[in-house]
């Protein structure tokens, strides 16, 4: 019962975080690991548990999709699916021992991207412009990361897109939701087919995340955005420190 309570509470919080600002995997993945799942299975199960929330977001944004600068959205979708599949396959062939060593560094990368991705992207945007071919190449690499681990991948994507276009960041958000959902969809299918999802734990978290997503959408209108973002940032760095200690790096 303690495990069920942990997973349900983590799912509620992760769903709410994703609805407000993102970063739900900073909660869902550690909770599954602390519940006794092997690291690779925990990462796969976390992706599956949080996926329904992405579907509802895609549906909500379906009329607001626009191309990214000069890059057609269909091309971005194709490379995102290909990269997501590549990342998922890489995860499936990674041993738990190797992933346990790698995951603190992935969490650190995701935490830094969540904390500083937007300001860094804005600073680069004032100095750098890149072409569509390079954007597609970087999108493929980010999609591999998204299928493999995925923490803060949406923020990384929008930082890169900002170097291509002067479009308002808010206008790019629907495309971000679609493309992150696409790379997660192919990863979810891969994990389910491979049989690495621990369903009892995943289903508890999935239901809770759906409820948390609705609550987060309501609560997000009332909370100041900086408070939410820095709260998530602080939590993500705390989880990163925990996993560095568990892996023996500290």
Protein backbone atom coordinates (compact mmCIF):
# COMPACT_ATOMS: atom_id res chain seq x y z
CA UNK A 1 0.00 0.00 0.00
CA UNK A 2 2.91 2.34 0.67
CA UNK A 3 4.17 1.72 -2.87
CA UNK A 4 0.72 2.38 -4.36
CA UNK A 5 0.47 5.62 -2.39
CA UNK A 6 3.94 6.69 -3.57
CA UNK A 7 3.14 5.95 -7.22
CA UNK A 8 -0.27 7.58 -7.09
CA UNK A 9 1.08 10.71 -5.43
CA UNK A 10 3.98 10.88 -7.88
CA UNK A 11 1.60 10.46 -10.80
CA UNK A 12 -0.62 13.28 -9.55
CA UNK A 13 2.37 15.59 -9.19
CA UNK A 14 3.95 14.57 -12.51
CA UNK A 15 0.70 15.10 -14.40
CA UNK A 16 0.21 18.51 -12.81
CA UNK A 17 3.80 19.54 -13.57
CA UNK A 18 3.47 18.55 -17.22
CA UNK A 19 0.23 20.51 -17.52
CA UNK A 20 1.77 23.65 -16.01
CA UNK A 21 5.39 23.77 -17.20
CA UNK A 22 6.76 20.29 -17.97
CA UNK A 23 9.27 18.22 -16.05
CA UNK A 24 6.89 15.47 -14.90
CA UNK A 25 9.49 12.77 -15.56
CA UNK A 26 11.64 14.30 -12.80
CA UNK A 27 8.99 12.87 -10.43
CA UNK A 28 7.66 9.78 -12.22
CA UNK A 29 11.01 8.14 -13.02
CA UNK A 30 12.52 8.42 -9.49
CA UNK A 31 9.26 7.24 -7.92
CA UNK A 32 9.28 4.09 -10.04
CA UNK A 33 12.95 3.44 -9.21
CA UNK A 34 12.29 3.95 -5.48
CA UNK A 35 9.36 1.50 -5.81
CA UNK A 36 11.80 -1.21 -6.84
CA UNK A 37 11.75 -1.18 -10.64
CA UNK A 38 15.04 -1.68 -12.52
CA UNK A 39 16.21 1.61 -14.08
CA UNK A 40 15.47 0.72 -17.71
CA UNK A 41 12.00 -0.61 -16.86
CA UNK A 42 11.34 2.46 -14.69
CA UNK A 43 12.21 4.80 -17.55
CA UNK A 44 10.05 2.85 -20.02
CA UNK A 45 7.14 2.62 -17.57
CA UNK A 46 7.38 6.35 -16.81
CA UNK A 47 7.12 7.17 -20.52
CA UNK A 48 4.01 4.98 -20.85
CA UNK A 49 2.38 6.37 -17.69
CA UNK A 50 2.72 10.00 -18.80
CA UNK A 51 1.79 9.44 -22.45
CA UNK A 52 -2.04 9.83 -22.21
CA UNK A 53 -1.54 13.37 -20.95
CA UNK A 54 0.40 14.16 -24.10
CA UNK A 55 -2.47 12.88 -26.24
CA UNK A 56 -4.99 15.18 -24.58
CA UNK A 57 -2.62 18.13 -25.04
CA UNK A 58 -2.18 17.32 -28.74
CA UNK A 59 -5.96 17.26 -29.18
CA UNK A 60 -6.31 20.60 -27.40
CA UNK A 61 -3.70 22.23 -29.68
CA UNK A 62 -4.82 20.59 -32.95
CA UNK A 63 -6.02 23.86 -34.52
CA UNK A 64 -2.94 25.87 -33.57
CA UNK A 65 -0.19 23.92 -35.35
CA UNK A 66 2.19 25.97 -37.51
CA UNK A 67 5.41 25.20 -39.38
CA UNK A 68 8.74 25.93 -37.70
CA UNK A 69 10.21 28.79 -39.72
CA UNK A 70 10.85 27.45 -43.22
CA UNK A 71 10.69 23.79 -42.12
CA UNK A 72 7.48 21.95 -42.95
CA UNK A 73 5.85 20.34 -39.92
CA UNK A 74 5.58 17.02 -41.77
CA UNK A 75 9.37 16.85 -42.14
CA UNK A 76 9.82 17.61 -38.44
CA UNK A 77 7.28 14.91 -37.59
CA UNK A 78 9.09 12.32 -39.72
CA UNK A 79 12.52 12.92 -38.17
CA UNK A 80 10.97 13.03 -34.69
CA UNK A 81 9.37 9.60 -35.16
CA UNK A 82 12.61 8.18 -36.61
CA UNK A 83 14.69 9.64 -33.79
CA UNK A 84 12.22 8.54 -31.11
CA UNK A 85 12.32 4.98 -32.42
CA UNK A 86 16.13 5.04 -32.49
CA UNK A 87 16.29 6.29 -28.91
CA UNK A 88 13.79 3.69 -27.71
CA UNK A 89 15.77 0.86 -29.32
CA UNK A 90 18.98 2.20 -27.75
CA UNK A 91 17.31 2.13 -24.34
CA UNK A 92 16.13 -1.45 -24.86
CA UNK A 93 19.68 -2.63 -25.61
CA UNK A 94 21.15 -0.73 -22.66
CA UNK A 95 21.74 -2.88 -19.57
CA UNK A 96 20.43 -1.77 -16.19
CA UNK A 97 24.01 -1.55 -14.91
CA UNK A 98 25.02 0.86 -17.68
CA UNK A 99 21.81 2.89 -17.44
CA UNK A 100 22.25 3.23 -13.68
CA UNK A 101 25.62 4.89 -14.33
CA UNK A 102 24.35 7.09 -17.18
CA UNK A 103 21.06 8.27 -15.69
CA UNK A 104 22.50 10.85 -13.23
CA UNK A 105 24.17 12.61 -16.16
CA UNK A 106 20.95 12.52 -18.15
CA UNK A 107 19.10 14.02 -15.20
CA UNK A 108 21.76 16.72 -14.89
CA UNK A 109 21.46 17.55 -18.59
CA UNK A 110 17.67 17.71 -18.32
CA UNK A 111 17.83 19.86 -15.17
CA UNK A 112 20.24 22.34 -16.79
CA UNK A 113 18.06 22.49 -19.91
CA UNK A 114 14.93 23.07 -17.84
CA UNK A 115 16.59 25.78 -15.75
CA UNK A 116 18.54 27.63 -18.44
CA UNK A 117 17.29 26.44 -21.85
CA UNK A 118 14.95 29.36 -22.45
CA UNK A 119 17.31 32.20 -21.48
CA UNK A 120 20.20 30.57 -23.37
CA UNK A 121 17.98 30.15 -26.43
CA UNK A 122 16.88 33.78 -26.22
CA UNK A 123 20.49 34.98 -25.95
CA UNK A 124 21.59 32.88 -28.92
CA UNK A 125 18.61 34.04 -30.95
CA UNK A 126 19.95 37.59 -30.90
CA UNK A 127 23.24 36.46 -32.49
CA UNK A 128 22.70 33.23 -34.44
CA UNK A 129 20.48 32.06 -37.29
CA UNK A 130 20.56 28.50 -38.61
CA UNK A 131 19.07 26.87 -41.70
CA UNK A 132 16.31 24.27 -42.10
CA UNK A 133 18.71 21.37 -42.85
CA UNK A 134 20.61 21.90 -39.61
CA UNK A 135 17.36 22.22 -37.66
CA UNK A 136 16.18 18.85 -39.02
CA UNK A 137 19.51 17.24 -38.13
CA UNK A 138 19.42 18.61 -34.58
CA UNK A 139 15.76 17.63 -34.28
CA UNK A 140 16.69 14.04 -35.11
CA UNK A 141 19.37 14.01 -32.39
CA UNK A 142 16.97 15.53 -29.85
CA UNK A 143 14.35 12.94 -30.80
CA UNK A 144 16.88 10.17 -30.09
CA UNK A 145 17.38 11.70 -26.65
CA UNK A 146 13.60 11.98 -26.30
CA UNK A 147 13.04 8.30 -27.07
CA UNK A 148 15.92 7.27 -24.81
CA UNK A 149 15.21 9.47 -21.77
CA UNK A 150 13.38 12.65 -22.72
CA UNK A 151 13.70 14.95 -19.70
CA UNK A 152 13.19 18.60 -20.77
CA UNK A 153 13.43 17.64 -24.46
CA UNK A 154 10.62 20.06 -25.35
CA UNK A 155 12.55 23.00 -23.93
CA UNK A 156 15.68 21.93 -25.83
CA UNK A 157 13.67 21.73 -29.05
CA UNK A 158 12.18 25.20 -28.68
CA UNK A 159 15.58 26.69 -27.90
CA UNK A 160 16.89 25.27 -31.22
CA UNK A 161 13.79 26.38 -33.16
CA UNK A 162 14.26 29.90 -31.88
CA UNK A 163 17.56 30.04 -33.79
CA UNK A 164 15.67 29.40 -37.03
CA UNK A 165 12.70 31.68 -36.71
CA UNK A 166 11.62 34.93 -35.10
CA UNK A 167 8.24 33.38 -34.32
CA UNK A 168 6.87 33.93 -30.84
CA UNK A 169 7.81 31.03 -28.56
CA UNK A 170 4.17 30.67 -27.52
CA UNK A 171 3.22 30.07 -31.17
CA UNK A 172 5.68 27.17 -31.36
CA UNK A 173 4.27 25.40 -28.30
CA UNK A 174 1.56 23.39 -30.15
CA UNK A 175 4.18 22.03 -32.57
CA UNK A 176 6.41 21.15 -29.61
CA UNK A 177 3.55 19.21 -27.96
CA UNK A 178 2.87 17.32 -31.21
CA UNK A 179 6.49 16.37 -31.89
CA UNK A 180 7.27 15.35 -28.31
CA UNK A 181 4.06 13.29 -28.38
CA UNK A 182 5.15 11.65 -31.66
CA UNK A 183 8.57 10.60 -30.36
CA UNK A 184 6.97 9.35 -27.14
CA UNK A 185 4.30 7.42 -29.09
CA UNK A 186 6.84 5.37 -31.01
CA UNK A 187 8.83 4.85 -27.80
CA UNK A 188 5.69 3.66 -25.96
CA UNK A 189 4.91 1.16 -28.74
CA UNK A 190 8.50 -0.12 -28.64
CA UNK A 191 8.49 -0.54 -24.86
CA UNK A 192 5.12 -2.32 -24.84
CA UNK A 193 6.12 -4.70 -27.65
CA UNK A 194 9.44 -5.43 -25.93
CA UNK A 195 7.61 -6.28 -22.69
CA UNK A 196 9.65 -4.02 -20.43
CA UNK A 197 6.70 -2.11 -18.96
CA UNK A 198 5.74 -3.06 -15.39
CA UNK A 199 1.97 -2.73 -15.79
CA UNK A 200 0.62 -2.72 -12.20
CA UNK A 201 2.87 0.20 -11.21
CA UNK A 202 2.40 1.93 -14.55
CA UNK A 203 -1.41 1.80 -14.44
CA UNK A 204 -1.53 3.31 -10.95
CA UNK A 205 0.68 6.17 -12.10
CA UNK A 206 -1.16 6.57 -15.43
CA UNK A 207 -4.55 7.12 -13.74
CA UNK A 208 -3.04 9.52 -11.22
CA UNK A 209 -1.17 11.47 -13.93
CA UNK A 210 -4.40 11.94 -15.88
CA UNK A 211 -6.10 13.36 -12.77
CA UNK A 212 -3.05 15.47 -11.98
CA UNK A 213 -3.00 16.86 -15.51
CA UNK A 214 -6.52 18.19 -15.12
CA UNK A 215 -5.80 19.63 -11.68
CA UNK A 216 -2.58 21.18 -12.94
CA UNK A 217 -4.38 22.90 -15.79
CA UNK A 218 -6.75 24.49 -13.28
CA UNK A 219 -4.06 25.33 -10.72
CA UNK A 220 -1.64 26.63 -13.33
CA UNK A 221 -3.88 29.60 -14.05
CA UNK A 222 -3.49 30.78 -10.46
CA UNK A 223 0.18 30.18 -9.67
CA UNK A 224 2.85 32.66 -10.79
CA UNK A 225 4.87 31.10 -13.61
CA UNK A 226 8.32 31.89 -12.07
CA UNK A 227 7.33 30.19 -8.81
CA UNK A 228 6.28 27.04 -10.68
CA UNK A 229 9.40 26.92 -12.85
CA UNK A 230 11.86 27.46 -10.02
CA UNK A 231 10.02 24.96 -7.84
CA UNK A 232 10.38 22.31 -10.54
CA UNK A 233 14.01 23.33 -11.12
CA UNK A 234 14.85 22.91 -7.44
CA UNK A 235 13.19 19.50 -7.34
CA UNK A 236 14.96 18.33 -10.51
CA UNK A 237 18.41 19.25 -9.15
CA UNK A 238 17.60 17.53 -5.85
CA UNK A 239 16.68 14.32 -7.71
CA UNK A 240 19.85 14.64 -9.78
CA UNK A 241 21.94 14.79 -6.60
CA UNK A 242 20.14 11.73 -5.18
CA UNK A 243 20.90 9.68 -8.30
CA UNK A 244 24.53 10.78 -8.38
CA UNK A 245 24.84 9.48 -4.82
CA UNK A 246 23.02 6.22 -5.64
CA UNK A 247 25.34 5.63 -8.61
CA UNK A 248 28.41 6.20 -6.43
CA UNK A 249 29.54 9.38 -8.20
CA UNK A 250 29.42 11.35 -4.94
